[in-house]
Protein backbone atom coordinates (compact mmCIF):
# COMPACT_ATOMS: atom_id res chain seq x y z
CA MET A 1 207.07 200.91 -39.37
CA SER A 2 206.05 199.73 -36.20
CA TRP A 3 202.53 200.61 -34.84
CA GLN A 4 202.19 202.19 -31.36
CA ALA A 5 199.25 202.87 -29.47
CA PRO A 6 198.35 206.33 -28.61
CA PHE A 7 199.21 207.76 -25.48
CA GLY A 8 195.38 207.48 -24.44
CA ALA A 9 194.70 204.41 -24.68
CA THR A 10 197.90 203.33 -22.93
CA PHE A 11 197.22 205.47 -19.87
CA THR A 12 193.40 204.14 -20.08
CA ARG A 13 194.20 200.64 -19.70
CA LYS A 14 197.26 201.30 -16.90
CA LEU A 15 194.54 203.16 -14.70
CA THR A 16 192.24 200.62 -15.43
CA GLY A 17 194.48 197.69 -14.32
CA PHE A 18 195.31 199.98 -11.61
CA VAL A 19 191.54 200.26 -10.25
CA LEU A 20 191.04 197.18 -10.32
CA VAL A 21 194.12 195.68 -8.33
CA GLY A 22 193.08 198.65 -5.99
CA SER A 23 189.51 197.79 -5.75
CA LEU A 24 190.25 194.00 -4.89
CA LEU A 25 193.03 194.99 -2.53
CA CYS A 26 190.07 197.50 -0.75
CA GLY A 27 187.70 194.55 -0.16
CA CYS A 28 190.05 192.42 1.55
CA VAL A 29 190.75 196.05 3.85
CA ALA A 30 186.95 196.58 4.24
CA ARG A 31 186.21 192.84 5.67
CA PRO A 32 188.98 191.55 7.06
CA PHE A 33 189.41 187.35 6.91
CA GLU A 34 187.89 186.11 10.18
CA GLY A 35 188.85 182.56 9.29
CA VAL A 36 186.59 179.15 9.01
CA PRO A 37 183.28 179.90 10.63
CA PRO A 38 182.73 176.90 13.51
CA SER A 39 180.89 173.86 12.27
CA PRO A 40 176.92 174.31 13.26
CA ASN A 41 177.31 171.06 14.98
CA ALA A 42 179.94 172.57 16.92
CA ARG A 43 178.16 172.71 20.59
CA LEU A 44 176.64 169.32 20.11
CA TYR A 45 180.24 167.66 20.18
CA ALA A 46 181.74 169.78 23.18
CA TYR A 47 178.26 168.63 24.89
CA LEU A 48 179.29 164.79 23.92
CA ILE A 49 182.25 165.47 25.27
CA ALA A 50 181.26 167.15 28.13
CA HIS A 51 178.66 164.58 28.44
CA GLY A 52 181.70 161.34 28.10
CA MET A 53 183.95 163.17 30.88
CA ALA A 54 180.86 163.01 33.47
CA ARG A 55 180.59 159.70 32.92
CA GLY A 56 184.13 159.22 33.22
CA ALA A 57 183.96 161.55 36.70
CA LEU A 58 180.94 159.29 37.94
CA MET A 59 182.66 155.95 37.02
CA ARG A 60 185.96 157.05 39.20
CA GLY A 61 184.04 157.91 41.89
CA LYS A 62 185.01 161.91 41.35
CA VAL A 63 181.53 162.65 42.00
CA THR A 64 179.72 162.69 45.47
CA PRO A 65 176.51 160.71 45.56
CA GLN A 66 174.98 164.02 46.85
CA ASN A 67 176.07 165.29 43.64
CA VAL A 68 174.62 162.82 41.17
CA GLN A 69 171.46 164.06 40.91
CA LYS A 70 172.47 167.76 40.47
CA LEU A 71 174.80 166.22 37.46
CA ILE A 72 172.23 164.85 36.32
CA SER A 73 170.15 168.24 36.22
CA LEU A 74 173.18 170.34 34.77
CA ASP A 75 173.40 167.46 31.98
CA HIS A 76 169.92 167.82 31.37
CA ASP A 77 169.92 171.32 31.19
CA ALA A 78 172.93 170.94 28.50
CA GLN A 79 171.39 168.70 26.39
CA LYS A 80 168.59 170.93 25.99
CA ALA A 81 170.18 173.68 25.43
CA VAL A 82 172.88 172.52 22.79
CA LEU A 83 170.09 171.01 20.84
CA ASN A 84 167.90 174.35 20.58
CA ALA A 85 171.00 175.97 19.64
CA THR A 86 171.87 173.55 17.02
CA ARG A 87 168.09 173.29 15.74
CA LEU A 88 167.59 177.36 16.01
CA GLN A 89 171.11 178.49 15.12
CA THR A 90 170.76 182.23 16.89
CA SER A 91 173.83 183.94 18.91
CA SER A 92 171.17 183.95 22.16
CA GLU A 93 170.39 180.13 21.64
CA ASN A 94 174.39 179.99 21.23
CA ARG A 95 175.18 181.96 24.32
CA GLN A 96 172.61 179.95 26.45
CA ALA A 97 174.48 176.60 24.98
CA ASP A 98 177.70 177.50 26.23
CA ALA A 99 176.73 178.86 29.17
CA ALA A 100 174.95 175.59 29.92
CA ILE A 101 177.89 173.28 28.89
CA ALA A 102 180.47 175.76 30.79
CA ALA A 103 178.25 175.06 34.39
CA PHE A 104 178.43 171.40 33.11
CA LEU A 105 181.36 170.90 33.15
CA THR A 106 182.42 173.19 36.54
CA SER A 107 179.65 170.73 38.46
CA PHE A 108 182.40 167.72 38.47
CA ASP A 109 185.69 169.65 38.06
CA SER A 110 186.42 169.05 41.05
């Protein structure tokens, strides 16, 4: 004669499995996947690329002699903002660095 588990034990086991799977799925819904967070150095890389673009624009003659001082000033401001954002990693510093890089990029993008 084969042994059969009582109804209560089978029901409890199935209910436990259902609750575990359900809780895992609820965790996915409660906190949706947002992707890989950006590197803390992403703004530094962006600044270095923008700096190289500015150097290229300067060497090609795309920057007028009157705008060179403005370009240097914006480059210095962007550098300081990016270094602060890299060091402090706060949202306000990140926004300031983003704005400084954007201003720097638009200064020679004519």
